[in-house]
C-alpha atoms as a PDB file:
ATOM      1  CA  UNK A   1      -5.133   1.918  -2.259  1.00  0.00           C
ATOM      2  CA  UNK A   2      -7.101   0.735  -5.372  1.00  0.00           C
ATOM      3  CA  UNK A   3     -10.019   0.828  -6.241  1.00  0.00           C
ATOM      4  CA  UNK A   4     -12.852   0.877  -8.231  1.00  0.00           C
ATOM      5  CA  UNK A   5     -12.278   3.571 -12.202  1.00  0.00           C
ATOM      6  CA  UNK A   6     -14.757   6.172 -11.002  1.00  0.00           C
ATOM      7  CA  UNK A   7     -14.775   9.394 -11.718  1.00  0.00           C
ATOM      8  CA  UNK A   8     -15.990  13.026 -10.794  1.00  0.00           C
ATOM      9  CA  UNK A   9     -15.336  14.873  -7.603  1.00  0.00           C
ATOM     10  CA  UNK A  10     -18.602  13.613  -5.977  1.00  0.00           C
ATOM     11  CA  UNK A  11     -16.625  10.228  -6.357  1.00  0.00           C
ATOM     12  CA  UNK A  12     -13.821  10.324  -5.114  1.00  0.00           C
ATOM     13  CA  UNK A  13     -10.821  13.212  -4.631  1.00  0.00           C
ATOM     14  CA  UNK A  14      -7.894  13.300  -3.370  1.00  0.00           C
ATOM     15  CA  UNK A  15      -5.522  16.602  -2.406  1.00  0.00           C
ATOM     16  CA  UNK A  16      -1.963  16.143  -1.135  1.00  0.00           C
ATOM     17  CA  UNK A  17       1.888  16.673  -1.730  1.00  0.00           C
ATOM     18  CA  UNK A  18       3.352  12.841  -2.031  1.00  0.00           C
ATOM     19  CA  UNK A  19       1.199  11.016  -3.995  1.00  0.00           C
ATOM     20  CA  UNK A  20       1.019   9.372  -7.992  1.00  0.00           C
ATOM     21  CA  UNK A  21      -2.423   8.505  -9.085  1.00  0.00           C
ATOM     22  CA  UNK A  22      -3.403   6.346 -12.543  1.00  0.00           C
ATOM     23  CA  UNK A  23      -6.603   7.386 -12.731  1.00  0.00           C
ATOM     24  CA  UNK A  24      -8.705   4.228 -14.762  1.00  0.00           C
ATOM     25  CA  UNK A  25      -6.441   2.172 -15.717  1.00  0.00           C
ATOM     26  CA  UNK A  26      -6.925  -1.770 -16.724  1.00  0.00           C
ATOM     27  CA  UNK A  27     -10.121  -0.899 -14.841  1.00  0.00           C
ATOM     28  CA  UNK A  28      -8.606   1.208 -11.239  1.00  0.00           C
ATOM     29  CA  UNK A  29      -8.120   3.861 -10.042  1.00  0.00           C
ATOM     30  CA  UNK A  30      -3.688   3.527  -8.221  1.00  0.00           C
ATOM     31  CA  UNK A  31      -2.917   6.059  -5.559  1.00  0.00           C
ATOM     32  CA  UNK A  32       0.007   5.437  -4.016  1.00  0.00           C
ATOM     33  CA  UNK A  33       1.530   7.671  -1.457  1.00  0.00           C
ATOM     34  CA  UNK A  34       4.393   7.953   0.922  1.00  0.00           C
ATOM     35  CA  UNK A  35       6.203   9.537   3.956  1.00  0.00           C
ATOM     36  CA  UNK A  36       9.453  10.401   4.972  1.00  0.00           C
ATOM     37  CA  UNK A  37      10.354   8.577   7.695  1.00  0.00           C
ATOM     38  CA  UNK A  38      13.082  10.610   9.213  1.00  0.00           C
ATOM     39  CA  UNK A  39      10.533  13.620   9.468  1.00  0.00           C
ATOM     40  CA  UNK A  40       8.099  13.617  12.581  1.00  0.00           C
ATOM     41  CA  UNK A  41       4.560  11.834  12.359  1.00  0.00           C
ATOM     42  CA  UNK A  42       1.627  13.598  13.891  1.00  0.00           C
ATOM     43  CA  UNK A  43      -1.636  12.622  13.904  1.00  0.00           C
ATOM     44  CA  UNK A  44      -3.162  15.380  16.275  1.00  0.00           C
ATOM     45  CA  UNK A  45      -5.363  16.162  14.329  1.00  0.00           C
ATOM     46  CA  UNK A  46      -6.414  12.716  12.383  1.00  0.00           C
ATOM     47  CA  UNK A  47      -9.979  13.299  14.613  1.00  0.00           C
ATOM     48  CA  UNK A  48     -10.524  16.733  14.284  1.00  0.00           C
ATOM     49  CA  UNK A  49     -10.241  16.427  10.396  1.00  0.00           C
ATOM     50  CA  UNK A  50     -12.990  13.136  10.676  1.00  0.00           C
ATOM     51  CA  UNK A  51     -15.199  15.596  12.830  1.00  0.00           C
ATOM     52  CA  UNK A  52     -14.509  18.639   9.726  1.00  0.00           C
ATOM     53  CA  UNK A  53     -15.681  15.984   6.837  1.00  0.00           C
ATOM     54  CA  UNK A  54     -18.998  13.975   8.860  1.00  0.00           C
ATOM     55  CA  UNK A  55     -20.428  17.585  10.698  1.00  0.00           C
ATOM     56  CA  UNK A  56     -19.446  19.736   7.897  1.00  0.00           C
ATOM     57  CA  UNK A  57     -23.142  18.849   6.143  1.00  0.00           C
ATOM     58  CA  UNK A  58     -21.399  19.436   2.719  1.00  0.00           C
ATOM     59  CA  UNK A  59     -21.385  15.579   1.155  1.00  0.00           C
ATOM     60  CA  UNK A  60     -19.093  16.088  -1.959  1.00  0.00           C
ATOM     61  CA  UNK A  61     -16.458  14.568  -1.879  1.00  0.00           C
ATOM     62  CA  UNK A  62     -13.603  17.098  -3.598  1.00  0.00           C
ATOM     63  CA  UNK A  63     -14.790  19.686  -0.645  1.00  0.00           C
ATOM     64  CA  UNK A  64     -14.907  16.863   2.065  1.00  0.00           C
ATOM     65  CA  UNK A  65     -11.448  15.971   1.152  1.00  0.00           C
ATOM     66  CA  UNK A  66     -10.918  19.778   0.817  1.00  0.00           C
ATOM     67  CA  UNK A  67     -12.162  20.584   3.758  1.00  0.00           C
ATOM     68  CA  UNK A  68      -9.296  17.505   5.902  1.00  0.00           C
ATOM     69  CA  UNK A  69      -6.521  18.470   3.832  1.00  0.00           C
ATOM     70  CA  UNK A  70      -6.602  22.077   5.333  1.00  0.00           C
ATOM     71  CA  UNK A  71      -8.133  20.723   9.418  1.00  0.00           C
ATOM     72  CA  UNK A  72      -4.830  18.327   8.949  1.00  0.00           C
ATOM     73  CA  UNK A  73      -2.962  22.512   9.191  1.00  0.00           C
ATOM     74  CA  UNK A  74       0.355  20.517   7.268  1.00  0.00           C
ATOM     75  CA  UNK A  75       0.173  17.448   9.344  1.00  0.00           C
ATOM     76  CA  UNK A  76      -0.546  15.381   6.462  1.00  0.00           C
ATOM     77  CA  UNK A  77       1.115  14.764   2.656  1.00  0.00           C
ATOM     78  CA  UNK A  78      -2.561  13.173   2.073  1.00  0.00           C
ATOM     79  CA  UNK A  79      -6.250  13.733   2.239  1.00  0.00           C
ATOM     80  CA  UNK A  80      -8.731  11.704  -0.508  1.00  0.00           C
ATOM     81  CA  UNK A  81     -12.180  10.088   0.301  1.00  0.00           C
ATOM     82  CA  UNK A  82     -13.546   7.338  -2.338  1.00  0.00           C
ATOM     83  CA  UNK A  83     -17.116   7.054  -1.339  1.00  0.00           C
ATOM     84  CA  UNK A  84     -18.488   3.081  -0.262  1.00  0.00           C
ATOM     85  CA  UNK A  85     -19.796   0.967  -3.686  1.00  0.00           C
ATOM     86  CA  UNK A  86     -16.699   2.050  -5.232  1.00  0.00           C
ATOM     87  CA  UNK A  87     -14.364  -0.622  -4.781  1.00  0.00           C
ATOM     88  CA  UNK A  88     -12.074   1.100  -1.115  1.00  0.00           C
ATOM     89  CA  UNK A  89     -13.348   0.308   2.070  1.00  0.00           C
ATOM     90  CA  UNK A  90     -10.182   0.200   5.267  1.00  0.00           C
ATOM     91  CA  UNK A  91     -10.500   0.553   9.069  1.00  0.00           C
ATOM     92  CA  UNK A  92      -6.983  -0.521   9.239  1.00  0.00           C
ATOM     93  CA  UNK A  93      -4.178   1.848  10.596  1.00  0.00           C
ATOM     94  CA  UNK A  94      -0.308   2.386  10.995  1.00  0.00           C
ATOM     95  CA  UNK A  95       1.929   5.188  12.620  1.00  0.00           C
ATOM     96  CA  UNK A  96       1.599   7.369   9.688  1.00  0.00           C
ATOM     97  CA  UNK A  97      -2.072   7.066   7.428  1.00  0.00           C
ATOM     98  CA  UNK A  98      -5.587   6.323   8.793  1.00  0.00           C
ATOM     99  CA  UNK A  99      -8.321   4.880   7.088  1.00  0.00           C
ATOM    100  CA  UNK A 100     -11.782   6.464   8.700  1.00  0.00           C
ATOM    101  CA  UNK A 101     -15.059   5.330   7.278  1.00  0.00           C
ATOM    102  CA  UNK A 102     -18.095   7.356   8.582  1.00  0.00           C
ATOM    103  CA  UNK A 103     -21.454   9.267   7.269  1.00  0.00           C
ATOM    104  CA  UNK A 104     -21.952  12.371   5.533  1.00  0.00           C
ATOM    105  CA  UNK A 105     -24.621  14.162   7.335  1.00  0.00           C
ATOM    106  CA  UNK A 106     -26.743  15.977   5.168  1.00  0.00           C
ATOM    107  CA  UNK A 107     -30.634  16.553   5.246  1.00  0.00           C
ATOM    108  CA  UNK A 108     -32.676  14.638   1.982  1.00  0.00           C
ATOM    109  CA  UNK A 109     -33.665  16.067  -0.601  1.00  0.00           C
ATOM    110  CA  UNK A 110     -37.368  16.999  -1.302  1.00  0.00           C
ATOM    111  CA  UNK A 111     -37.272  12.959  -3.373  1.00  0.00           C
ATOM    112  CA  UNK A 112     -36.292  11.673   0.527  1.00  0.00           C
ATOM    113  CA  UNK A 113     -33.570  10.395  -2.014  1.00  0.00           C
ATOM    114  CA  UNK A 114     -29.192  11.915  -0.999  1.00  0.00           C
ATOM    115  CA  UNK A 115     -29.458  11.528   2.292  1.00  0.00           C
ATOM    116  CA  UNK A 116     -26.058  10.588   4.494  1.00  0.00           C
ATOM    117  CA  UNK A 117     -23.162   9.698   2.037  1.00  0.00           C
ATOM    118  CA  UNK A 118     -21.369   5.652   3.111  1.00  0.00           C
ATOM    119  CA  UNK A 119     -17.405   6.735   2.271  1.00  0.00           C
ATOM    120  CA  UNK A 120     -13.193   6.768   3.431  1.00  0.00           C
ATOM    121  CA  UNK A 121     -11.974   9.491   4.144  1.00  0.00           C
ATOM    122  CA  UNK A 122      -7.271   7.886   4.366  1.00  0.00           C
ATOM    123  CA  UNK A 123      -5.691  10.962   5.964  1.00  0.00           C
ATOM    124  CA  UNK A 124      -1.657  10.028   5.393  1.00  0.00           C
ATOM    125  CA  UNK A 125       0.448  12.089   8.299  1.00  0.00           C
ATOM    126  CA  UNK A 126       3.767  13.150   8.067  1.00  0.00           C
ATOM    127  CA  UNK A 127       6.341  15.813   5.996  1.00  0.00           C
ATOM    128  CA  UNK A 128       7.808  15.073   2.723  1.00  0.00           C
END
């Protein structure tokens, strides 16, 4: 996956075991993740991982990626959240991975800002 060179855990975050990330290289962030095809793939926790990040009320990308990773409970090798506007968008899912666009539910601040964040949750399921 390739997206704009952004920094900060409010814009993007990744948890997992099977990935390599190159951040802010040639004006892009690049993440490559993999799963062993010989290991069983269980995506049963995909919808619960997505509901965990949309219903938590915490729209900080790092906390959302951590919550999705924890909710997957060993069925995933990677969980990544990238805020919209940072160049990564997806809705294509494979046998091992899901791209889910979602809106984080959160109350607005006093000035009516920082309401809902649009983001993409990328999950790669399987085992090393």
